[in-house]
Amino acid sequence: MIAGHARVEQFLVPQNIVRHIVVTVDNLPRHKVAVELRPVKPTGGETVTAAQGAVTTLGEANFERYAPLARAVQGTDVKALAVVYERLYPLFQQAYEDLGYPGKYFNDRLVEVIDNLLQTPEVPAPIPVVQPKVFWEYADASLENRSAGQKLLIRMGPQNARVIKAKLREFRAEIVNKK
């Protein structure tokens, strides 16, 4: 078993999951991700901020919103996940080609995206944010200009991001060694 079935299931959107995984993986290193096509349910609640004088930062409670997902990922059996991925690979490949990438390999894109995510800097809290319109943005332009996947890892907080990145390293090793 990849992880506790109920533990993982609570985060997944099962409809069209292979296609949604492929679309999301392809979008993570870009500036935006198609929210309606994500294979994972949105994190509950709204962004939690804290005021520190005139500066607004992501609050510790915001990082806690991502802790259940990080715990589920931490409990994932990466070897079992890699076996499932290998068995379903023809479906992932077909979905990738259907996105407009004939002759290219989804596994290559997945490794490229994992590498992009692993390059996410560890940003110590507190992380300053601004709200120029509806959505919060990082006050530091070098963070705001990062890929959607990197910004998500930063938004999760340093501890949760470390957990996710550790599992990504393990999974990358599995899928590169098997191909």
C-alpha atoms as a PDB file:
ATOM      1  CA  MET A   1       0.000   0.000   0.000  1.00  0.00           C
ATOM      2  CA  ILE A   2       1.297   3.476  -0.867  1.00  0.00           C
ATOM      3  CA  ALA A   3       0.065   4.986   2.385  1.00  0.00           C
ATOM      4  CA  GLY A   4      -2.959   4.695   4.618  1.00  0.00           C
ATOM      5  CA  HIS A   5      -5.776   4.601   2.032  1.00  0.00           C
ATOM      6  CA  ALA A   6      -8.097   6.981   3.892  1.00  0.00           C
ATOM      7  CA  ARG A   7      -5.155   9.225   4.763  1.00  0.00           C
ATOM      8  CA  VAL A   8      -4.260   9.802   1.105  1.00  0.00           C
ATOM      9  CA  GLU A   9      -7.788   9.658  -0.288  1.00  0.00           C
ATOM     10  CA  GLN A  10      -8.896  12.669   1.741  1.00  0.00           C
ATOM     11  CA  PHE A  11      -6.563  14.880  -0.329  1.00  0.00           C
ATOM     12  CA  LEU A  12      -7.261  13.514  -3.813  1.00  0.00           C
ATOM     13  CA  VAL A  13      -9.810  14.491  -6.445  1.00  0.00           C
ATOM     14  CA  PRO A  14     -10.368  11.097  -8.116  1.00  0.00           C
ATOM     15  CA  GLN A  15     -12.159  12.278 -11.282  1.00  0.00           C
ATOM     16  CA  ASN A  16      -9.790  12.297 -14.281  1.00  0.00           C
ATOM     17  CA  ILE A  17      -6.884  11.928 -11.869  1.00  0.00           C
ATOM     18  CA  VAL A  18      -4.273  10.800 -14.421  1.00  0.00           C
ATOM     19  CA  ARG A  19      -5.038  13.728 -16.736  1.00  0.00           C
ATOM     20  CA  HIS A  20      -5.110  16.162 -13.811  1.00  0.00           C
ATOM     21  CA  ILE A  21      -1.776  14.877 -12.493  1.00  0.00           C
ATOM     22  CA  VAL A  22      -0.212  15.307 -15.933  1.00  0.00           C
ATOM     23  CA  VAL A  23      -1.627  18.826 -16.412  1.00  0.00           C
ATOM     24  CA  THR A  24      -0.547  19.886 -12.921  1.00  0.00           C
ATOM     25  CA  VAL A  25       2.936  18.411 -13.246  1.00  0.00           C
ATOM     26  CA  ASP A  26       3.332  20.187 -16.576  1.00  0.00           C
ATOM     27  CA  ASN A  27       2.172  23.500 -15.035  1.00  0.00           C
ATOM     28  CA  LEU A  28       4.115  23.461 -11.742  1.00  0.00           C
ATOM     29  CA  PRO A  29       7.294  25.029 -13.181  1.00  0.00           C
ATOM     30  CA  ARG A  30       5.212  27.722 -14.901  1.00  0.00           C
ATOM     31  CA  HIS A  31       3.876  30.880 -13.299  1.00  0.00           C
ATOM     32  CA  LYS A  32       0.283  29.587 -12.913  1.00  0.00           C
ATOM     33  CA  VAL A  33      -1.390  26.247 -12.248  1.00  0.00           C
ATOM     34  CA  ALA A  34      -4.915  25.468 -13.463  1.00  0.00           C
ATOM     35  CA  VAL A  35      -6.662  25.287 -10.094  1.00  0.00           C
ATOM     36  CA  GLU A  36      -9.708  23.472 -11.465  1.00  0.00           C
ATOM     37  CA  LEU A  37      -7.477  20.699 -12.864  1.00  0.00           C
ATOM     38  CA  ARG A  38      -5.446  19.955  -9.740  1.00  0.00           C
ATOM     39  CA  PRO A  39      -5.539  16.337  -8.572  1.00  0.00           C
ATOM     40  CA  VAL A  40      -5.344  17.453  -4.934  1.00  0.00           C
ATOM     41  CA  LYS A  41      -8.143  19.182  -3.055  1.00  0.00           C
ATOM     42  CA  PRO A  42      -7.526  22.772  -2.012  1.00  0.00           C
ATOM     43  CA  THR A  43      -6.077  23.298   1.434  1.00  0.00           C
ATOM     44  CA  GLY A  44      -8.852  24.193   3.844  1.00  0.00           C
ATOM     45  CA  GLY A  45      -9.336  27.700   5.110  1.00  0.00           C
ATOM     46  CA  GLU A  46      -7.932  30.944   3.847  1.00  0.00           C
ATOM     47  CA  THR A  47      -4.384  32.235   3.895  1.00  0.00           C
ATOM     48  CA  VAL A  48      -3.507  33.115   7.490  1.00  0.00           C
ATOM     49  CA  THR A  49      -1.408  36.212   7.979  1.00  0.00           C
ATOM     50  CA  ALA A  50       0.064  37.991  10.971  1.00  0.00           C
ATOM     51  CA  ALA A  51       0.952  41.644  11.408  1.00  0.00           C
ATOM     52  CA  GLN A  52       4.413  42.447  12.671  1.00  0.00           C
ATOM     53  CA  GLY A  53       4.370  46.206  12.937  1.00  0.00           C
ATOM     54  CA  ALA A  54       3.747  47.571   9.452  1.00  0.00           C
ATOM     55  CA  VAL A  55       4.730  44.244   7.836  1.00  0.00           C
ATOM     56  CA  THR A  56       2.270  41.458   7.078  1.00  0.00           C
ATOM     57  CA  THR A  57       3.648  37.930   7.026  1.00  0.00           C
ATOM     58  CA  LEU A  58       2.378  34.409   6.524  1.00  0.00           C
ATOM     59  CA  GLY A  59       1.319  33.285   9.976  1.00  0.00           C
ATOM     60  CA  GLU A  60       2.425  30.061  11.635  1.00  0.00           C
ATOM     61  CA  ALA A  61      -1.223  28.968  11.486  1.00  0.00           C
ATOM     62  CA  ASN A  62      -0.960  29.179   7.706  1.00  0.00           C
ATOM     63  CA  PHE A  63       1.810  26.590   7.714  1.00  0.00           C
ATOM     64  CA  GLU A  64      -0.316  24.374   9.979  1.00  0.00           C
ATOM     65  CA  ARG A  65      -2.991  24.260   7.260  1.00  0.00           C
ATOM     66  CA  TYR A  66      -0.520  22.246   5.167  1.00  0.00           C
ATOM     67  CA  ALA A  67       0.689  19.964   7.974  1.00  0.00           C
ATOM     68  CA  PRO A  68      -1.895  17.189   7.368  1.00  0.00           C
ATOM     69  CA  LEU A  69      -0.864  16.960   3.723  1.00  0.00           C
ATOM     70  CA  ALA A  70       2.822  16.961   4.670  1.00  0.00           C
ATOM     71  CA  ARG A  71       2.171  14.143   7.183  1.00  0.00           C
ATOM     72  CA  ALA A  72       0.345  12.103   4.530  1.00  0.00           C
ATOM     73  CA  VAL A  73       3.222  12.623   2.095  1.00  0.00           C
ATOM     74  CA  GLN A  74       5.736  11.733   4.817  1.00  0.00           C
ATOM     75  CA  GLY A  75       3.908   8.429   5.382  1.00  0.00           C
ATOM     76  CA  THR A  76       3.998   7.532   1.691  1.00  0.00           C
ATOM     77  CA  ASP A  77       5.835   4.390   0.664  1.00  0.00           C
ATOM     78  CA  VAL A  78       7.841   5.798  -2.241  1.00  0.00           C
ATOM     79  CA  LYS A  79       8.820   2.389  -3.618  1.00  0.00           C
ATOM     80  CA  ALA A  80       5.155   1.358  -3.791  1.00  0.00           C
ATOM     81  CA  LEU A  81       4.251   4.695  -5.368  1.00  0.00           C
ATOM     82  CA  ALA A  82       6.930   4.173  -8.011  1.00  0.00           C
ATOM     83  CA  VAL A  83       5.517   0.705  -8.791  1.00  0.00           C
ATOM     84  CA  VAL A  84       2.028   2.167  -9.270  1.00  0.00           C
ATOM     85  CA  TYR A  85       3.476   4.964 -11.410  1.00  0.00           C
ATOM     86  CA  GLU A  86       5.321   2.430 -13.575  1.00  0.00           C
ATOM     87  CA  ARG A  87       2.179   0.323 -14.039  1.00  0.00           C
ATOM     88  CA  LEU A  88       0.103   3.373 -14.965  1.00  0.00           C
ATOM     89  CA  TYR A  89       2.834   4.999 -17.033  1.00  0.00           C
ATOM     90  CA  PRO A  90       1.160   4.274 -20.394  1.00  0.00           C
ATOM     91  CA  LEU A  91      -1.851   6.310 -19.194  1.00  0.00           C
ATOM     92  CA  PHE A  92       0.379   9.179 -18.022  1.00  0.00           C
ATOM     93  CA  GLN A  93       2.250   9.096 -21.328  1.00  0.00           C
ATOM     94  CA  GLN A  94      -0.949   9.154 -23.381  1.00  0.00           C
ATOM     95  CA  ALA A  95      -2.347  12.051 -21.337  1.00  0.00           C
ATOM     96  CA  TYR A  96       0.926  13.940 -21.842  1.00  0.00           C
ATOM     97  CA  GLU A  97       0.820  13.383 -25.590  1.00  0.00           C
ATOM     98  CA  ASP A  98      -2.833  14.489 -25.601  1.00  0.00           C
ATOM     99  CA  LEU A  99      -1.685  17.780 -24.033  1.00  0.00           C
ATOM    100  CA  GLY A 100       0.293  18.449 -27.180  1.00  0.00           C
ATOM    101  CA  TYR A 101       3.619  16.722 -26.552  1.00  0.00           C
ATOM    102  CA  PRO A 102       3.798  13.894 -29.114  1.00  0.00           C
ATOM    103  CA  GLY A 103       7.154  12.185 -29.140  1.00  0.00           C
ATOM    104  CA  LYS A 104       8.113  13.564 -25.728  1.00  0.00           C
ATOM    105  CA  TYR A 105       8.210  11.533 -22.533  1.00  0.00           C
ATOM    106  CA  PHE A 106       6.151  12.375 -19.476  1.00  0.00           C
ATOM    107  CA  ASN A 107       8.788  10.823 -17.223  1.00  0.00           C
ATOM    108  CA  ASP A 108      11.365  13.302 -18.530  1.00  0.00           C
ATOM    109  CA  ARG A 109       8.981  16.178 -17.764  1.00  0.00           C
ATOM    110  CA  LEU A 110       8.251  14.775 -14.301  1.00  0.00           C
ATOM    111  CA  VAL A 111      11.965  14.589 -13.455  1.00  0.00           C
ATOM    112  CA  GLU A 112      12.447  18.139 -14.772  1.00  0.00           C
ATOM    113  CA  VAL A 113       9.569  19.373 -12.589  1.00  0.00           C
ATOM    114  CA  ILE A 114      10.861  17.558  -9.507  1.00  0.00           C
ATOM    115  CA  ASP A 115      14.247  19.192 -10.103  1.00  0.00           C
ATOM    116  CA  ASN A 116      12.526  22.591 -10.315  1.00  0.00           C
ATOM    117  CA  LEU A 117      10.735  21.961  -7.026  1.00  0.00           C
ATOM    118  CA  LEU A 118      13.926  20.788  -5.332  1.00  0.00           C
ATOM    119  CA  GLN A 119      15.543  24.110  -6.268  1.00  0.00           C
ATOM    120  CA  THR A 120      13.020  25.948  -4.094  1.00  0.00           C
ATOM    121  CA  PRO A 121      14.942  27.973  -1.528  1.00  0.00           C
ATOM    122  CA  GLU A 122      14.185  27.411   2.119  1.00  0.00           C
ATOM    123  CA  VAL A 123      12.669  30.700   3.204  1.00  0.00           C
ATOM    124  CA  PRO A 124      12.707  31.154   6.968  1.00  0.00           C
ATOM    125  CA  ALA A 125       9.568  32.461   8.623  1.00  0.00           C
ATOM    126  CA  PRO A 126       8.298  35.082   8.920  1.00  0.00           C
ATOM    127  CA  ILE A 127       7.652  35.449   5.182  1.00  0.00           C
ATOM    128  CA  PRO A 128       6.442  38.963   4.249  1.00  0.00           C
ATOM    129  CA  VAL A 129       3.411  39.170   1.959  1.00  0.00           C
ATOM    130  CA  VAL A 130       1.352  41.928   0.335  1.00  0.00           C
ATOM    131  CA  GLN A 131      -2.196  41.986  -0.980  1.00  0.00           C
ATOM    132  CA  PRO A 132      -2.274  44.311  -3.996  1.00  0.00           C
ATOM    133  CA  LYS A 133      -5.638  42.934  -5.168  1.00  0.00           C
ATOM    134  CA  VAL A 134      -7.572  39.844  -4.081  1.00  0.00           C
ATOM    135  CA  PHE A 135      -4.753  37.353  -3.598  1.00  0.00           C
ATOM    136  CA  TRP A 136      -1.748  37.497  -1.321  1.00  0.00           C
ATOM    137  CA  GLU A 137       1.648  37.754  -2.989  1.00  0.00           C
ATOM    138  CA  TYR A 138       5.172  37.535  -1.650  1.00  0.00           C
ATOM    139  CA  ALA A 139       6.548  40.970  -0.829  1.00  0.00           C
ATOM    140  CA  ASP A 140       9.947  39.840  -2.120  1.00  0.00           C
ATOM    141  CA  ALA A 141       9.794  39.992  -5.935  1.00  0.00           C
ATOM    142  CA  SER A 142      12.402  37.217  -6.212  1.00  0.00           C
ATOM    143  CA  LEU A 143       9.962  34.889  -4.424  1.00  0.00           C
ATOM    144  CA  GLU A 144       6.855  36.123  -6.258  1.00  0.00           C
ATOM    145  CA  ASN A 145       8.558  35.541  -9.617  1.00  0.00           C
ATOM    146  CA  ARG A 146       9.279  31.882  -8.857  1.00  0.00           C
ATOM    147  CA  SER A 147       7.340  29.011 -10.408  1.00  0.00           C
ATOM    148  CA  ALA A 148       3.882  28.131  -9.121  1.00  0.00           C
ATOM    149  CA  GLY A 149       5.255  24.925  -7.588  1.00  0.00           C
ATOM    150  CA  GLN A 150       8.078  26.701  -5.789  1.00  0.00           C
ATOM    151  CA  LYS A 151       5.707  29.377  -4.461  1.00  0.00           C
ATOM    152  CA  LEU A 152       3.443  26.639  -3.123  1.00  0.00           C
ATOM    153  CA  LEU A 153       6.325  24.952  -1.301  1.00  0.00           C
ATOM    154  CA  ILE A 154       7.308  28.293   0.235  1.00  0.00           C
ATOM    155  CA  ARG A 155       3.687  28.957   1.260  1.00  0.00           C
ATOM    156  CA  MET A 156       3.627  25.592   3.085  1.00  0.00           C
ATOM    157  CA  GLY A 157       6.371  26.776   5.414  1.00  0.00           C
ATOM    158  CA  PRO A 158       9.931  25.531   5.843  1.00  0.00           C
ATOM    159  CA  GLN A 159       9.151  22.394   7.851  1.00  0.00           C
ATOM    160  CA  ASN A 160       6.419  21.122   5.511  1.00  0.00           C
ATOM    161  CA  ALA A 161       8.503  21.994   2.447  1.00  0.00           C
ATOM    162  CA  ARG A 162      11.425  19.935   3.808  1.00  0.00           C
ATOM    163  CA  VAL A 163       9.128  16.907   4.160  1.00  0.00           C
ATOM    164  CA  ILE A 164       7.778  17.273   0.619  1.00  0.00           C
ATOM    165  CA  LYS A 165      11.229  17.825  -0.873  1.00  0.00           C
ATOM    166  CA  ALA A 166      12.636  14.764   0.915  1.00  0.00           C
ATOM    167  CA  LYS A 167       9.914  12.565  -0.598  1.00  0.00           C
ATOM    168  CA  LEU A 168      10.422  14.163  -4.009  1.00  0.00           C
ATOM    169  CA  ARG A 169      14.133  13.252  -3.819  1.00  0.00           C
ATOM    170  CA  GLU A 170      13.237   9.655  -2.943  1.00  0.00           C
ATOM    171  CA  PHE A 171      10.631   9.421  -5.707  1.00  0.00           C
ATOM    172  CA  ARG A 172      13.007  10.944  -8.255  1.00  0.00           C
ATOM    173  CA  ALA A 173      15.624   8.330  -7.399  1.00  0.00           C
ATOM    174  CA  GLU A 174      13.048   5.569  -7.902  1.00  0.00           C
ATOM    175  CA  ILE A 175      11.726   6.755 -11.272  1.00  0.00           C
ATOM    176  CA  VAL A 176      15.153   7.589 -12.691  1.00  0.00           C
ATOM    177  CA  ASN A 177      16.621   4.242 -11.627  1.00  0.00           C
ATOM    178  CA  LYS A 178      13.715   2.263 -13.107  1.00  0.00           C
ATOM    179  CA  LYS A 179      13.834   3.836 -16.552  1.00  0.00           C
END
